[in-house]
Amino acid sequence: MTEETVPGSPAQPSGTRLSKPEFVAMMALLMAIVAFSTDAMLPAFPEIAGTLSPGAPNRVQLMVTFFLLGMGIGTIFAGPISDAWGRKPVILGGTALYIAGAAVCWQADSLDVLLAGRILQGLGAAAPRTVSMAMMRDLYSGRQMAQIGSLIMMIFAIFPAIAPTFGAQVIALAGWRAIFITFVLVASTGALWLWIRQSETLPETRRTPLRPKSLWKNTRKILSMRVVLIAITVQSLALGTLFAMLSSVQQIFDITYGRGEYFHFWFAGIAILAGSSGVLNAAYVNKLGMRFIIRSVLIGQICLSSVSLLLLWSGALLSNASFVVFLVFSLGVFFQNGLIMGNSTALAMEPLGHLAGLASSAMGAIGTIVAVLIAIPIGQAFNGTAIPMVTGALVLACLSRLAMRSMPERA
């Protein structure tokens, strides 16, 4: 394997690094553990509801949000620990915790036990998700980091595309419990790849000891920056829209439009098309800038959600036409996240290279936990129509656009 020295910030450790294509692919796989853990579960909703929660099928949505809640909590610790101990040990330890949570879910005999296992999975998944971002910041900065992030998101998009179809096939062959075995296999592959191929990106000379007072001081410093606060706000609202969609999309396809049998194929199509957002961002972020792209996407999302809500609320559409409107709206939600997340993260991280792990944790933890708190009521408001979902997306996009008006032009 040919290796090259990866360009990046002057503070990066010396020596050889993985080639850029291999680094991007490995980071995408590690970060895709989260997407795989949510999207592969979606086709299992009816079976799990019938087995563990027949009297309250909406509670099955919590499998998604509880996993994400655990991830948000775990994110608080993953970054600071990686700043003190290095990136690789934290990612590998988090993966082991994730695998333990998958084992609990596999053997769960009640929805409550399953949800406990999902929280444990989320706690473990926080490490590869968060520390991978810090690892990228160790090697890249600014618009170059945004470009690398877009390439990772482009590959990352493959997993949401195949996960529901893969999950549906696993259910058909071995039942819904077997999905958790596949989670173990995917996580183990990413961990082994990292362990064997990637050198540590944070040398001991640049590590920050775990000191509570220092952590609190640095956290306050990070959160005192307006660019960081606005980026967290925009991420929280965008993720809230995405999490609400993930929670209720299977039910909308199945109950609202009667297309549950082929849901995984429709979802794959949406994910593949939405994946083009990474290609688009990688091509234009250096020319247009991160702020311009985020603002433009939010304006587009406001327009799309407004038109979709009017058409669906009017009741004038035939069933097939209503379904097409919801498909286009769904594509817009996923496309929005592909353009907002990487750019807002790069904006916030640009002045924080020396605190990359802590900054990644603070942003990820606050953004994810707030997003879960937003998503749960939107998902639980499902009433047999797509109107609660579209209304929530419109409100959140308007709030995001309002926040971006205060984004400073320079960090």
Protein backbone atom coordinates (compact mmCIF):
# COMPACT_ATOMS: atom_id res chain seq x y z
CA MET A 1 0.00 0.00 0.00
CA THR A 2 1.42 3.33 -1.05
CA GLU A 3 1.37 5.89 1.72
CA GLU A 4 1.85 9.61 1.65
CA THR A 5 2.35 12.37 4.11
CA VAL A 6 -1.03 13.93 4.66
CA PRO A 7 -1.02 17.71 4.40
CA GLY A 8 -2.74 19.60 7.15
CA SER A 9 -2.09 21.95 10.00
CA PRO A 10 1.50 22.64 11.00
CA ALA A 11 0.85 20.99 14.36
CA GLN A 12 0.14 17.58 12.92
CA PRO A 13 2.44 14.76 14.01
CA SER A 14 5.35 13.94 11.78
CA GLY A 15 5.82 10.78 9.78
CA THR A 16 3.83 8.91 7.16
CA ARG A 17 0.07 8.68 7.08
CA LEU A 18 -2.48 6.61 5.24
CA SER A 19 -3.17 7.63 1.69
CA LYS A 20 -6.06 10.05 1.50
CA PRO A 21 -8.47 7.55 -0.16
CA GLU A 22 -7.85 4.92 2.51
CA PHE A 23 -8.11 7.46 5.32
CA VAL A 24 -11.41 8.78 3.96
CA ALA A 25 -12.81 5.26 3.54
CA MET A 26 -11.81 4.20 7.06
CA MET A 27 -13.24 7.33 8.66
CA ALA A 28 -16.46 6.86 6.69
CA LEU A 29 -16.82 3.29 7.96
CA LEU A 30 -16.23 4.29 11.58
CA MET A 31 -18.71 7.14 11.38
CA ALA A 32 -21.20 4.96 9.49
CA ILE A 33 -21.60 2.76 12.56
CA VAL A 34 -24.12 5.35 13.75
CA ALA A 35 -26.09 5.41 10.49
CA PHE A 36 -26.07 1.63 10.24
CA SER A 37 -27.26 1.31 13.84
CA THR A 38 -30.30 3.48 13.15
CA ASP A 39 -31.25 2.81 9.53
CA ALA A 40 -30.93 -0.98 9.58
CA MET A 41 -33.46 -1.03 12.44
CA LEU A 42 -36.20 0.79 10.53
CA PRO A 43 -37.69 -2.21 8.65
CA ALA A 44 -37.87 -4.08 11.99
CA PHE A 45 -40.31 -1.63 13.57
CA PRO A 46 -43.50 -3.62 12.86
CA GLU A 47 -41.99 -6.95 14.02
CA ILE A 48 -40.48 -5.48 17.19
CA ALA A 49 -43.70 -3.60 17.97
CA GLY A 50 -45.69 -6.81 17.55
CA THR A 51 -43.29 -8.76 19.78
CA LEU A 52 -42.35 -6.31 22.51
CA SER A 53 -44.85 -3.42 22.41
CA PRO A 54 -48.11 -4.51 20.75
CA GLY A 55 -50.22 -2.06 22.75
CA ALA A 56 -48.10 1.03 22.01
CA PRO A 57 -46.44 0.75 18.58
CA ASN A 58 -45.27 4.39 18.63
CA ARG A 59 -42.92 3.52 21.52
CA VAL A 60 -40.79 1.50 19.11
CA GLN A 61 -39.60 4.84 17.66
CA LEU A 62 -37.61 5.22 20.87
CA MET A 63 -35.15 2.60 19.60
CA VAL A 64 -33.77 5.33 17.36
CA THR A 65 -33.87 8.25 19.77
CA PHE A 66 -32.59 6.30 22.81
CA PHE A 67 -29.59 5.15 20.79
CA LEU A 68 -28.95 8.74 19.77
CA LEU A 69 -29.45 9.95 23.34
CA GLY A 70 -26.81 7.48 24.57
CA MET A 71 -24.51 8.70 21.84
CA GLY A 72 -25.03 12.29 22.90
CA ILE A 73 -24.17 11.47 26.52
CA GLY A 74 -21.12 9.43 25.50
CA THR A 75 -19.92 12.27 23.33
CA ILE A 76 -19.42 14.40 26.45
CA PHE A 77 -16.62 12.08 27.55
CA ALA A 78 -15.17 10.72 24.31
CA GLY A 79 -13.43 13.86 23.11
CA PRO A 80 -11.71 14.93 26.36
CA ILE A 81 -10.56 11.36 27.02
CA SER A 82 -9.13 11.17 23.50
CA ASP A 83 -7.29 14.46 24.11
CA ALA A 84 -5.66 12.85 27.15
CA TRP A 85 -5.13 9.23 26.05
CA GLY A 86 -4.94 9.47 22.27
CA ARG A 87 -7.48 8.84 19.54
CA LYS A 88 -7.05 5.13 18.83
CA PRO A 89 -7.54 3.71 22.36
CA VAL A 90 -10.76 5.66 22.81
CA ILE A 91 -12.24 4.55 19.48
CA LEU A 92 -11.37 0.92 20.17
CA GLY A 93 -12.75 1.05 23.72
CA GLY A 94 -15.97 2.69 22.54
CA THR A 95 -16.41 0.01 19.90
CA ALA A 96 -16.13 -2.69 22.58
CA LEU A 97 -18.87 -0.96 24.61
CA TYR A 98 -21.03 -0.73 21.48
CA ILE A 99 -20.65 -4.46 20.90
CA ALA A 100 -21.69 -5.16 24.51
CA GLY A 101 -24.84 -3.09 23.98
CA ALA A 102 -25.64 -5.03 20.81
CA ALA A 103 -25.42 -8.26 22.82
CA VAL A 104 -27.95 -6.92 25.36
CA CYS A 105 -30.36 -5.99 22.55
CA TRP A 106 -29.95 -9.38 20.91
CA GLN A 107 -31.16 -11.15 24.07
CA ALA A 108 -33.78 -8.57 25.18
CA ASP A 109 -37.14 -10.02 26.24
CA SER A 110 -38.86 -6.64 26.73
CA LEU A 111 -38.81 -3.26 25.04
CA ASP A 112 -37.37 -1.66 28.18
CA VAL A 113 -34.36 -4.01 28.14
CA LEU A 114 -33.94 -3.39 24.42
CA LEU A 115 -33.97 0.36 24.99
CA ALA A 116 -31.35 -0.02 27.75
CA GLY A 117 -29.15 -1.92 25.30
CA ARG A 118 -29.67 0.79 22.71
CA ILE A 119 -28.50 3.46 25.15
CA LEU A 120 -25.40 1.35 25.84
CA GLN A 121 -24.80 1.00 22.11
CA GLY A 122 -25.11 4.76 21.74
CA LEU A 123 -22.62 5.40 24.54
CA GLY A 124 -20.08 3.21 22.73
CA ALA A 125 -20.82 4.61 19.27
CA ALA A 126 -20.00 8.10 20.52
CA ALA A 127 -16.29 7.27 20.43
CA PRO A 128 -15.87 6.45 16.71
CA ARG A 129 -18.30 9.17 15.75
CA THR A 130 -16.71 11.95 17.81
CA VAL A 131 -13.05 11.00 17.88
CA SER A 132 -13.00 10.43 14.13
CA MET A 133 -13.82 14.12 13.74
CA ALA A 134 -10.96 15.02 16.10
CA MET A 135 -8.65 12.70 14.16
CA MET A 136 -9.55 14.55 10.97
CA ARG A 137 -8.83 17.86 12.68
CA ASP A 138 -5.42 16.52 13.74
CA LEU A 139 -4.54 16.22 10.06
CA TYR A 140 -6.66 18.84 8.26
CA SER A 141 -8.09 22.31 8.90
CA GLY A 142 -10.41 24.94 7.46
CA ARG A 143 -11.94 24.43 4.03
CA GLN A 144 -9.66 21.46 3.42
CA MET A 145 -11.24 19.74 6.42
CA ALA A 146 -14.69 20.62 5.05
CA GLN A 147 -13.70 19.08 1.71
CA ILE A 148 -12.41 15.89 3.36
CA GLY A 149 -15.57 15.79 5.46
CA SER A 150 -17.68 16.03 2.32
CA LEU A 151 -15.83 13.11 0.72
CA ILE A 152 -16.39 11.08 3.88
CA MET A 153 -20.09 11.98 3.83
CA MET A 154 -20.26 10.90 0.19
CA ILE A 155 -19.07 7.39 1.12
CA PHE A 156 -21.03 7.55 4.37
CA ALA A 157 -24.19 7.98 2.28
CA ILE A 158 -23.79 4.44 0.95
CA PHE A 159 -24.58 2.97 4.37
CA PRO A 160 -27.99 4.63 4.84
CA ALA A 161 -28.78 3.52 1.30
CA ILE A 162 -28.06 -0.16 1.89
CA ALA A 163 -28.81 -0.46 5.61
CA PRO A 164 -32.64 -0.72 5.48
CA THR A 165 -32.53 -3.19 2.58
CA PHE A 166 -29.86 -5.18 4.38
CA GLY A 167 -31.92 -5.08 7.56
CA ALA A 168 -35.02 -6.25 5.72
CA GLN A 169 -33.11 -9.20 4.26
CA VAL A 170 -31.70 -10.14 7.66
CA ILE A 171 -35.19 -10.05 9.17
CA ALA A 172 -36.54 -12.25 6.38
CA LEU A 173 -33.76 -14.80 6.82
CA ALA A 174 -33.13 -14.88 10.56
CA GLY A 175 -35.54 -12.55 12.38
CA TRP A 176 -35.09 -9.08 13.80
CA ARG A 177 -32.70 -10.16 16.57
CA ALA A 178 -30.07 -11.12 13.99
CA ILE A 179 -29.68 -7.45 13.05
CA PHE A 180 -27.69 -6.93 16.23
CA ILE A 181 -25.21 -9.59 15.17
CA THR A 182 -24.57 -7.61 11.99
CA PHE A 183 -23.90 -4.54 14.12
CA VAL A 184 -21.13 -6.47 15.85
CA LEU A 185 -19.60 -7.48 12.53
CA VAL A 186 -19.59 -3.95 11.09
CA ALA A 187 -18.13 -2.38 14.25
CA SER A 188 -15.46 -5.08 14.52
CA THR A 189 -14.39 -4.49 10.91
CA GLY A 190 -13.92 -0.77 11.47
CA ALA A 191 -12.04 -1.29 14.73
CA LEU A 192 -9.65 -3.83 13.23
CA TRP A 193 -8.96 -1.59 10.25
CA LEU A 194 -8.10 1.30 12.55
CA TRP A 195 -5.99 -0.85 14.86
CA ILE A 196 -3.91 -2.40 12.07
CA ARG A 197 -3.54 0.44 9.56
CA GLN A 198 -3.84 3.85 11.23
CA SER A 199 -1.09 5.35 13.35
CA GLU A 200 -1.96 7.54 16.32
CA THR A 201 -2.66 11.11 15.16
CA LEU A 202 -2.21 12.78 18.56
CA PRO A 203 1.33 12.34 19.92
CA GLU A 204 1.94 12.41 23.66
CA THR A 205 3.55 15.85 23.46
CA ARG A 206 0.22 17.35 22.34
CA ARG A 207 -2.08 15.56 24.77
CA THR A 208 -4.07 17.35 27.44
CA PRO A 209 -4.32 15.71 30.89
CA LEU A 210 -7.80 15.05 32.28
CA ARG A 211 -8.22 17.84 34.82
CA PRO A 212 -11.86 18.74 35.67
CA LYS A 213 -11.07 22.41 36.31
CA SER A 214 -9.14 22.67 33.08
CA LEU A 215 -11.88 20.89 31.14
CA TRP A 216 -14.50 23.23 32.52
CA LYS A 217 -12.34 26.25 31.73
CA ASN A 218 -11.69 25.09 28.17
CA THR A 219 -15.35 24.18 27.66
CA ARG A 220 -16.39 27.65 28.74
CA LYS A 221 -13.80 29.08 26.37
CA ILE A 222 -15.18 27.02 23.49
CA LEU A 223 -18.79 27.89 24.24
CA SER A 224 -17.95 31.59 24.62
CA MET A 225 -17.17 31.79 20.90
CA ARG A 226 -20.15 33.02 18.94
CA VAL A 227 -19.27 30.99 15.87
CA VAL A 228 -19.32 27.80 17.97
CA LEU A 229 -22.64 28.60 19.65
CA ILE A 230 -24.32 29.36 16.35
CA ALA A 231 -22.87 26.24 14.74
CA ILE A 232 -24.20 24.13 17.64
CA THR A 233 -27.63 25.76 17.31
CA VAL A 234 -27.81 25.11 13.58
CA GLN A 235 -26.58 21.53 14.02
CA SER A 236 -29.09 20.85 16.80
CA LEU A 237 -32.01 22.04 14.70
CA ALA A 238 -30.85 20.21 11.57
CA LEU A 239 -30.24 17.00 13.51
CA GLY A 240 -33.60 17.39 15.24
CA THR A 241 -35.25 17.36 11.83
CA LEU A 242 -33.22 14.33 10.75
CA PHE A 243 -33.86 12.36 13.96
CA ALA A 244 -37.59 13.07 13.79
CA MET A 245 -37.61 11.86 10.21
CA LEU A 246 -35.74 8.66 11.09
CA SER A 247 -38.14 8.02 13.96
CA SER A 248 -41.35 8.31 11.95
CA VAL A 249 -40.45 7.68 8.30
CA GLN A 250 -41.18 3.94 8.36
CA GLN A 251 -44.61 4.51 9.88
CA ILE A 252 -45.42 7.21 7.34
CA PHE A 253 -44.49 4.93 4.47
CA ASP A 254 -46.40 2.01 5.98
CA ILE A 255 -49.44 3.49 7.71
CA THR A 256 -49.96 6.74 5.81
CA TYR A 257 -49.16 5.58 2.29
CA GLY A 258 -49.43 1.78 2.49
CA ARG A 259 -45.94 1.22 1.09
CA GLY A 260 -44.28 -0.45 4.06
CA GLU A 261 -43.43 -3.61 2.13
CA TYR A 262 -41.06 -1.71 -0.16
CA PHE A 263 -40.02 0.95 2.32
CA HIS A 264 -36.37 -0.11 2.30
CA PHE A 265 -36.13 0.35 -1.48
CA TRP A 266 -37.64 3.83 -1.34
CA PHE A 267 -35.34 4.76 1.55
CA ALA A 268 -32.31 3.50 -0.38
CA GLY A 269 -33.22 5.70 -3.33
CA ILE A 270 -33.59 8.75 -1.10
CA ALA A 271 -30.24 8.07 0.59
CA ILE A 272 -28.41 7.62 -2.71
CA LEU A 273 -29.77 10.85 -4.14
CA ALA A 274 -29.08 12.71 -0.90
CA GLY A 275 -25.51 11.42 -1.00
CA SER A 276 -24.86 13.73 -3.94
CA SER A 277 -24.83 16.59 -1.42
CA GLY A 278 -21.33 15.50 -0.40
CA VAL A 279 -20.12 15.61 -4.00
CA LEU A 280 -21.70 19.02 -4.46
CA ASN A 281 -20.19 20.39 -1.29
CA ALA A 282 -16.71 19.03 -2.04
CA ALA A 283 -16.85 20.67 -5.47
CA TYR A 284 -18.07 24.11 -4.40
CA VAL A 285 -17.14 24.73 -0.75
CA ASN A 286 -13.76 26.23 -1.65
CA LYS A 287 -15.40 28.60 -4.14
CA LEU A 288 -18.55 29.62 -2.28
CA GLY A 289 -17.58 29.21 1.35
CA MET A 290 -19.24 27.32 4.17
CA ARG A 291 -21.49 30.14 5.37
CA PHE A 292 -23.00 30.80 1.96
CA ILE A 293 -23.80 27.12 1.42
CA ILE A 294 -25.49 26.72 4.83
CA ARG A 295 -27.62 29.84 4.38
CA SER A 296 -28.66 28.85 0.86
CA VAL A 297 -29.61 25.32 1.92
CA LEU A 298 -31.77 26.63 4.76
CA ILE A 299 -33.64 28.99 2.45
CA GLY A 300 -34.28 26.05 0.12
CA GLN A 301 -35.50 23.89 3.00
CA ILE A 302 -37.91 26.60 4.18
CA CYS A 303 -39.39 26.90 0.70
CA LEU A 304 -39.67 23.14 0.23
CA SER A 305 -41.25 22.54 3.63
CA SER A 306 -43.73 25.39 3.16
CA VAL A 307 -44.91 24.13 -0.22
CA SER A 308 -45.08 20.53 1.03
CA LEU A 309 -47.11 21.52 4.09
CA LEU A 310 -49.60 23.54 2.04
CA LEU A 311 -50.11 20.72 -0.44
CA LEU A 312 -50.47 18.00 2.20
CA TRP A 313 -52.64 20.09 4.53
CA SER A 314 -55.02 21.11 1.74
CA GLY A 315 -56.12 17.52 1.25
CA ALA A 316 -56.55 18.24 -2.45
CA LEU A 317 -53.91 15.75 -3.60
CA LEU A 318 -54.63 12.20 -4.62
CA SER A 319 -52.82 9.50 -2.66
CA ASN A 320 -50.07 8.99 -5.24
CA ALA A 321 -49.46 12.72 -5.63
CA SER A 322 -49.31 13.15 -1.85
CA PHE A 323 -46.75 10.38 -1.67
CA VAL A 324 -44.57 12.07 -4.30
CA VAL A 325 -44.69 15.32 -2.33
CA PHE A 326 -43.54 13.49 0.80
CA LEU A 327 -40.75 11.76 -1.15
CA VAL A 328 -39.40 15.08 -2.39
CA PHE A 329 -39.69 16.56 1.10
CA SER A 330 -37.81 13.58 2.59
CA LEU A 331 -35.04 13.97 0.05
CA GLY A 332 -34.75 17.61 1.03
CA VAL A 333 -34.32 16.74 4.72
CA PHE A 334 -31.47 14.29 4.05
CA PHE A 335 -29.88 16.56 1.45
CA GLN A 336 -29.96 19.44 3.93
CA ASN A 337 -28.00 17.50 6.53
CA GLY A 338 -25.36 16.47 4.02
CA LEU A 339 -24.59 20.13 3.37
CA ILE A 340 -25.04 21.58 6.84
CA MET A 341 -23.26 19.16 9.19
CA GLY A 342 -19.78 19.09 7.66
CA ASN A 343 -19.70 22.82 6.96
CA SER A 344 -20.97 23.90 10.37
CA THR A 345 -18.49 21.58 12.09
CA ALA A 346 -15.60 22.94 10.05
CA LEU A 347 -16.65 26.51 10.83
CA ALA A 348 -16.66 25.85 14.56
CA MET A 349 -13.48 23.76 14.62
CA GLU A 350 -11.36 26.14 12.55
CA PRO A 351 -10.17 28.25 15.53
CA LEU A 352 -10.00 25.26 17.90
CA GLY A 353 -7.25 23.01 16.58
CA HIS A 354 -5.56 22.78 20.01
CA LEU A 355 -8.87 21.73 21.59
CA ALA A 356 -10.19 19.58 18.76
CA GLY A 357 -11.26 16.62 20.89
CA LEU A 358 -13.02 18.68 23.54
CA ALA A 359 -14.62 20.92 20.92
CA SER A 360 -15.87 17.91 18.97
CA SER A 361 -17.32 16.43 22.16
CA ALA A 362 -19.00 19.64 23.26
CA MET A 363 -20.56 20.23 19.86
CA GLY A 364 -21.57 16.61 19.37
CA ALA A 365 -22.99 16.16 22.87
CA ILE A 366 -25.02 19.36 23.01
CA GLY A 367 -26.17 19.07 19.41
CA THR A 368 -27.23 15.44 19.71
CA ILE A 369 -28.97 15.68 23.08
CA VAL A 370 -30.89 18.81 22.08
CA ALA A 371 -31.78 17.21 18.74
CA VAL A 372 -33.16 14.10 20.50
CA LEU A 373 -35.28 16.28 22.79
CA ILE A 374 -36.63 18.03 19.69
CA ALA A 375 -37.18 14.83 17.72
CA ILE A 376 -39.05 12.76 20.33
CA PRO A 377 -42.18 14.95 20.51
CA ILE A 378 -42.26 15.38 16.73
CA GLY A 379 -42.03 11.63 16.21
CA GLN A 380 -44.54 10.81 18.95
CA ALA A 381 -46.96 13.31 17.38
CA PHE A 382 -47.39 10.97 14.42
CA ASN A 383 -51.13 10.79 13.81
CA GLY A 384 -51.33 8.75 10.64
CA THR A 385 -50.26 11.66 8.41
CA ALA A 386 -46.99 13.35 7.45
CA ILE A 387 -48.19 16.78 8.59
CA PRO A 388 -46.52 16.76 12.07
CA MET A 389 -43.19 15.85 10.49
CA VAL A 390 -43.36 18.51 7.78
CA THR A 391 -44.54 21.18 10.22
CA GLY A 392 -41.66 20.41 12.57
CA ALA A 393 -39.14 20.61 9.73
CA LEU A 394 -40.46 24.00 8.63
CA VAL A 395 -40.26 25.49 12.13
CA LEU A 396 -36.74 24.16 12.69
CA ALA A 397 -35.47 25.40 9.32
CA CYS A 398 -36.82 28.89 10.06
CA LEU A 399 -35.07 28.93 13.44
CA SER A 400 -31.81 27.76 11.83
CA ARG A 401 -31.96 30.48 9.20
CA LEU A 402 -32.58 33.05 11.92
CA ALA A 403 -29.53 31.80 13.84
CA MET A 404 -27.32 32.00 10.74
CA ARG A 405 -28.07 35.70 10.42
CA SER A 406 -25.84 36.20 13.47
CA MET A 407 -22.99 34.01 12.22
CA PRO A 408 -19.79 36.09 12.11
CA GLU A 409 -18.02 36.22 8.76
CA ARG A 410 -14.80 35.19 10.47
CA ALA A 411 -14.24 32.92 13.47
